[in-house]
């Protein structure tokens, strides 16, 4: 019984989020804030084939289209976790080199 309730709640939430995105041309961040959930949960609810796509394929397509447009219009470059790690370690290496040079004087 509890499993059915959770599944029903998640499906209802997915439809509500998708409707919010479509009606407000909202971003993932805006939807997450509106519903008090993480951006990851918004992505999963909208793009997971077992959720919205199965319930309402047309709504899923509309919401996904809006999210894709918003993603393409993002004002900053998207970097993968690996790129962030490489950037952070390079930055660390530069700082260490600078410290070594300063300590010689």
N, C-alpha and C. Protein backbone atom coordinates (compact mmCIF):
# COMPACT_ATOMS: atom_id res chain seq x y z
N UNK A 1 0.83 -1.19 0.00
CA UNK A 1 0.00 0.00 0.00
C UNK A 1 0.87 1.26 0.00
N UNK A 2 1.90 1.30 0.85
CA UNK A 2 2.77 2.47 0.93
C UNK A 2 3.55 2.64 -0.37
N UNK A 3 3.97 1.53 -0.98
CA UNK A 3 4.69 1.61 -2.24
C UNK A 3 3.82 2.25 -3.32
N UNK A 4 2.54 1.88 -3.37
CA UNK A 4 1.62 2.47 -4.34
C UNK A 4 1.47 3.97 -4.10
N UNK A 5 1.36 4.37 -2.84
CA UNK A 5 1.23 5.79 -2.51
C UNK A 5 2.45 6.57 -2.99
N UNK A 6 3.65 6.04 -2.73
CA UNK A 6 4.87 6.73 -3.15
C UNK A 6 4.93 6.85 -4.67
N UNK A 7 4.59 5.76 -5.35
CA UNK A 7 4.63 5.79 -6.81
C UNK A 7 3.61 6.80 -7.34
N UNK A 8 2.43 6.80 -6.76
CA UNK A 8 1.38 7.72 -7.17
C UNK A 8 1.81 9.17 -6.91
N UNK A 9 2.44 9.42 -5.76
CA UNK A 9 2.92 10.75 -5.41
C UNK A 9 3.97 11.22 -6.41
N UNK A 10 4.89 10.36 -6.74
CA UNK A 10 5.97 10.71 -7.67
C UNK A 10 5.40 11.02 -9.06
N UNK A 11 4.45 10.19 -9.50
CA UNK A 11 3.84 10.43 -10.80
C UNK A 11 3.08 11.75 -10.82
N UNK A 12 2.35 12.03 -9.75
CA UNK A 12 1.60 13.29 -9.65
C UNK A 12 2.57 14.47 -9.66
N UNK A 13 3.65 14.34 -8.90
CA UNK A 13 4.65 15.42 -8.84
C UNK A 13 5.27 15.65 -10.23
N UNK A 14 5.56 14.58 -10.96
CA UNK A 14 6.17 14.71 -12.29
C UNK A 14 5.25 15.48 -13.23
N UNK A 15 3.96 15.19 -13.18
CA UNK A 15 2.99 15.90 -14.02
C UNK A 15 2.90 17.36 -13.59
N UNK A 16 2.86 17.62 -12.30
CA UNK A 16 2.78 19.01 -11.80
C UNK A 16 4.01 19.81 -12.21
N UNK A 17 5.18 19.20 -12.10
CA UNK A 17 6.42 19.89 -12.49
C UNK A 17 6.42 20.19 -13.98
N UNK A 18 6.03 19.22 -14.79
CA UNK A 18 6.00 19.41 -16.24
C UNK A 18 5.02 20.52 -16.61
N UNK A 19 3.86 20.51 -15.99
CA UNK A 19 2.88 21.57 -16.27
C UNK A 19 3.44 22.93 -15.88
N UNK A 20 4.12 23.01 -14.75
CA UNK A 20 4.73 24.26 -14.30
C UNK A 20 5.77 24.75 -15.32
N UNK A 21 6.60 23.84 -15.79
CA UNK A 21 7.65 24.20 -16.76
C UNK A 21 7.02 24.71 -18.05
N UNK A 22 6.00 24.00 -18.54
CA UNK A 22 5.35 24.39 -19.80
C UNK A 22 4.60 25.71 -19.64
N UNK A 23 3.85 25.86 -18.57
CA UNK A 23 3.04 27.07 -18.38
C UNK A 23 3.88 28.32 -18.12
N UNK A 24 5.02 28.14 -17.47
CA UNK A 24 5.85 29.29 -17.08
C UNK A 24 7.15 29.40 -17.86
N UNK A 25 7.35 28.50 -18.82
CA UNK A 25 8.61 28.46 -19.56
C UNK A 25 9.78 28.46 -18.58
N UNK A 26 9.65 27.65 -17.55
CA UNK A 26 10.57 27.66 -16.42
C UNK A 26 11.83 26.83 -16.68
N UNK A 27 12.87 27.19 -15.97
CA UNK A 27 14.11 26.43 -16.00
C UNK A 27 14.05 25.33 -14.94
N UNK A 28 15.00 24.42 -14.99
CA UNK A 28 15.09 23.36 -13.98
C UNK A 28 15.25 23.97 -12.60
N UNK A 29 16.10 24.99 -12.51
CA UNK A 29 16.35 25.64 -11.23
C UNK A 29 15.07 26.28 -10.66
N UNK A 30 14.31 26.95 -11.53
CA UNK A 30 13.07 27.57 -11.08
C UNK A 30 12.06 26.52 -10.62
N UNK A 31 11.95 25.43 -11.37
CA UNK A 31 11.01 24.36 -10.99
C UNK A 31 11.43 23.72 -9.67
N UNK A 32 12.72 23.49 -9.51
CA UNK A 32 13.21 22.89 -8.27
C UNK A 32 12.88 23.78 -7.07
N UNK A 33 13.09 25.07 -7.24
CA UNK A 33 12.81 26.01 -6.16
C UNK A 33 11.31 26.05 -5.86
N UNK A 34 10.49 26.08 -6.90
CA UNK A 34 9.04 26.15 -6.73
C UNK A 34 8.50 24.94 -5.97
N UNK A 35 9.06 23.75 -6.23
CA UNK A 35 8.54 22.53 -5.63
C UNK A 35 9.35 22.07 -4.41
N UNK A 36 10.43 22.79 -4.10
CA UNK A 36 11.23 22.45 -2.94
C UNK A 36 11.96 21.12 -3.08
N UNK A 37 12.43 20.85 -4.29
CA UNK A 37 13.17 19.61 -4.56
C UNK A 37 14.48 19.95 -5.26
N UNK A 38 15.32 18.95 -5.44
CA UNK A 38 16.61 19.20 -6.09
C UNK A 38 16.46 19.27 -7.60
N UNK A 39 17.45 19.89 -8.25
CA UNK A 39 17.46 19.95 -9.71
C UNK A 39 17.53 18.55 -10.30
N UNK A 40 18.25 17.66 -9.62
CA UNK A 40 18.36 16.27 -10.09
C UNK A 40 17.00 15.60 -10.12
N UNK A 41 16.19 15.87 -9.11
CA UNK A 41 14.85 15.28 -9.06
C UNK A 41 13.98 15.81 -10.19
N UNK A 42 14.09 17.10 -10.48
CA UNK A 42 13.34 17.67 -11.60
C UNK A 42 13.74 16.98 -12.89
N UNK A 43 15.05 16.85 -13.14
CA UNK A 43 15.53 16.17 -14.34
C UNK A 43 14.98 14.76 -14.41
N UNK A 44 15.08 14.03 -13.31
CA UNK A 44 14.63 12.64 -13.31
C UNK A 44 13.12 12.55 -13.58
N UNK A 45 12.35 13.43 -12.94
CA UNK A 45 10.90 13.40 -13.15
C UNK A 45 10.52 13.71 -14.60
N UNK A 46 11.24 14.61 -15.23
CA UNK A 46 10.88 15.03 -16.59
C UNK A 46 11.46 14.10 -17.65
N UNK A 47 12.66 13.59 -17.46
CA UNK A 47 13.32 12.83 -18.53
C UNK A 47 13.30 11.32 -18.34
N UNK A 48 12.98 10.84 -17.16
CA UNK A 48 12.98 9.40 -16.91
C UNK A 48 11.82 8.74 -17.65
N UNK A 49 12.12 7.73 -18.46
CA UNK A 49 11.10 7.05 -19.27
C UNK A 49 10.02 6.38 -18.44
N UNK A 50 10.33 6.02 -17.22
CA UNK A 50 9.34 5.35 -16.38
C UNK A 50 8.39 6.32 -15.70
N UNK A 51 8.63 7.58 -15.82
CA UNK A 51 7.77 8.54 -15.12
C UNK A 51 6.88 9.28 -16.11
N UNK A 52 7.22 10.49 -16.41
CA UNK A 52 6.35 11.36 -17.18
C UNK A 52 6.08 10.82 -18.59
N UNK A 53 7.09 10.28 -19.23
CA UNK A 53 6.93 9.79 -20.60
C UNK A 53 5.86 8.72 -20.69
N UNK A 54 5.79 7.88 -19.68
CA UNK A 54 4.79 6.81 -19.66
C UNK A 54 3.40 7.35 -19.34
N UNK A 55 3.35 8.38 -18.50
CA UNK A 55 2.08 8.93 -18.05
C UNK A 55 1.44 9.82 -19.12
N UNK A 56 2.24 10.76 -19.65
CA UNK A 56 1.72 11.73 -20.62
C UNK A 56 2.84 12.08 -21.61
N UNK A 57 2.99 11.30 -22.67
CA UNK A 57 4.09 11.53 -23.61
C UNK A 57 4.10 12.92 -24.24
N UNK A 58 2.92 13.47 -24.51
CA UNK A 58 2.86 14.80 -25.12
C UNK A 58 3.37 15.88 -24.17
N UNK A 59 2.94 15.80 -22.92
CA UNK A 59 3.42 16.76 -21.91
C UNK A 59 4.92 16.60 -21.70
N UNK A 60 5.39 15.36 -21.68
CA UNK A 60 6.82 15.09 -21.52
C UNK A 60 7.62 15.73 -22.65
N UNK A 61 7.13 15.62 -23.86
CA UNK A 61 7.83 16.20 -25.02
C UNK A 61 7.87 17.72 -24.93
N UNK A 62 6.75 18.33 -24.53
CA UNK A 62 6.71 19.79 -24.40
C UNK A 62 7.68 20.28 -23.32
N UNK A 63 7.66 19.63 -22.17
CA UNK A 63 8.53 20.03 -21.07
C UNK A 63 9.99 19.84 -21.46
N UNK A 64 10.29 18.71 -22.08
CA UNK A 64 11.68 18.44 -22.49
C UNK A 64 12.15 19.47 -23.50
N UNK A 65 11.27 19.86 -24.42
CA UNK A 65 11.62 20.86 -25.43
C UNK A 65 11.99 22.19 -24.76
N UNK A 66 11.19 22.60 -23.80
CA UNK A 66 11.48 23.86 -23.08
C UNK A 66 12.80 23.76 -22.32
N UNK A 67 13.03 22.63 -21.66
CA UNK A 67 14.29 22.47 -20.92
C UNK A 67 15.49 22.49 -21.88
N UNK A 68 15.33 21.88 -23.05
CA UNK A 68 16.42 21.88 -24.04
C UNK A 68 16.71 23.30 -24.53
N UNK A 69 15.67 24.07 -24.76
CA UNK A 69 15.86 25.47 -25.19
C UNK A 69 16.57 26.25 -24.09
N UNK A 70 16.09 26.11 -22.85
CA UNK A 70 16.72 26.83 -21.73
C UNK A 70 18.18 26.44 -21.58
N UNK A 71 18.47 25.16 -21.76
CA UNK A 71 19.86 24.69 -21.64
C UNK A 71 20.73 25.31 -22.73
N UNK A 72 20.20 25.40 -23.95
CA UNK A 72 21.00 25.96 -25.04
C UNK A 72 21.23 27.46 -24.88
N UNK A 73 20.34 28.12 -24.12
CA UNK A 73 20.47 29.57 -23.92
C UNK A 73 21.23 29.93 -22.65
N UNK A 74 21.75 28.95 -21.95
CA UNK A 74 22.45 29.22 -20.69
C UNK A 74 23.64 30.15 -20.95
N UNK A 75 23.83 31.14 -20.07
CA UNK A 75 24.86 32.14 -20.30
C UNK A 75 26.27 31.69 -19.93
N UNK A 76 26.43 30.50 -19.46
CA UNK A 76 27.75 30.04 -19.04
C UNK A 76 28.04 28.69 -19.68
N UNK A 77 29.32 28.38 -19.89
CA UNK A 77 29.65 27.09 -20.51
C UNK A 77 29.42 25.94 -19.55
N UNK A 78 28.94 24.86 -20.07
CA UNK A 78 28.73 23.67 -19.25
C UNK A 78 30.02 22.85 -19.23
N UNK A 79 30.42 22.47 -18.03
CA UNK A 79 31.63 21.66 -17.89
C UNK A 79 31.28 20.36 -17.20
N UNK A 80 31.96 19.32 -17.60
CA UNK A 80 31.75 18.03 -16.96
C UNK A 80 32.47 18.01 -15.62
N UNK A 81 32.14 17.02 -14.81
CA UNK A 81 32.84 16.87 -13.52
C UNK A 81 34.33 16.73 -13.74
N UNK A 82 34.71 15.97 -14.75
CA UNK A 82 36.14 15.76 -15.04
C UNK A 82 36.81 17.09 -15.37
N UNK A 83 36.15 17.91 -16.18
CA UNK A 83 36.73 19.20 -16.53
C UNK A 83 36.90 20.09 -15.30
N UNK A 84 35.93 20.04 -14.37
CA UNK A 84 36.05 20.83 -13.15
C UNK A 84 37.20 20.31 -12.29
N UNK A 85 37.36 18.99 -12.23
CA UNK A 85 38.45 18.41 -11.44
C UNK A 85 39.79 18.80 -12.02
N UNK A 86 39.93 18.73 -13.33
CA UNK A 86 41.19 19.08 -13.99
C UNK A 86 41.48 20.56 -13.74
N UNK A 87 40.47 21.40 -13.87
CA UNK A 87 40.64 22.83 -13.65
C UNK A 87 41.06 23.10 -12.21
N UNK A 88 40.43 22.43 -11.27
CA UNK A 88 40.76 22.63 -9.85
C UNK A 88 42.17 22.16 -9.55
N UNK A 89 42.56 21.02 -10.10
CA UNK A 89 43.90 20.51 -9.80
C UNK A 89 44.97 21.38 -10.48
N UNK A 90 44.66 21.90 -11.66
CA UNK A 90 45.61 22.80 -12.33
C UNK A 90 45.76 24.08 -11.53
N UNK A 91 44.67 24.58 -11.01
CA UNK A 91 44.70 25.78 -10.18
C UNK A 91 45.53 25.54 -8.93
N UNK A 92 45.36 24.36 -8.34
CA UNK A 92 46.13 23.99 -7.15
C UNK A 92 47.62 23.92 -7.48
N UNK A 93 47.93 23.33 -8.62
CA UNK A 93 49.33 23.20 -9.03
C UNK A 93 49.96 24.57 -9.24
N UNK A 94 49.19 25.50 -9.82
CA UNK A 94 49.71 26.86 -10.03
C UNK A 94 49.98 27.53 -8.70
N UNK A 95 49.08 27.36 -7.75
CA UNK A 95 49.28 27.98 -6.44
C UNK A 95 50.51 27.40 -5.74
N UNK A 96 50.69 26.10 -5.85
CA UNK A 96 51.86 25.46 -5.23
C UNK A 96 53.15 25.98 -5.86
N UNK A 97 53.16 26.11 -7.18
CA UNK A 97 54.35 26.64 -7.86
C UNK A 97 54.64 28.05 -7.41
N UNK A 98 53.60 28.87 -7.29
CA UNK A 98 53.79 30.25 -6.86
C UNK A 98 54.33 30.30 -5.44
N UNK A 99 53.81 29.44 -4.57
CA UNK A 99 54.30 29.40 -3.18
C UNK A 99 55.75 28.99 -3.11
N UNK A 100 56.13 28.02 -3.94
CA UNK A 100 57.53 27.57 -3.96
C UNK A 100 58.46 28.70 -4.41
N UNK A 101 58.02 29.45 -5.44
CA UNK A 101 58.82 30.57 -5.92
C UNK A 101 58.95 31.64 -4.85
N UNK A 102 57.88 31.92 -4.17
CA UNK A 102 57.91 32.95 -3.12
C UNK A 102 58.79 32.53 -1.94
N UNK A 103 58.77 31.24 -1.63
CA UNK A 103 59.53 30.77 -0.47
C UNK A 103 61.03 30.78 -0.74
N UNK A 104 61.44 30.82 -2.01
CA UNK A 104 62.86 30.86 -2.35
C UNK A 104 63.47 32.23 -2.08
N UNK A 105 62.66 33.26 -2.11
CA UNK A 105 63.16 34.64 -1.94
C UNK A 105 63.22 35.04 -0.53
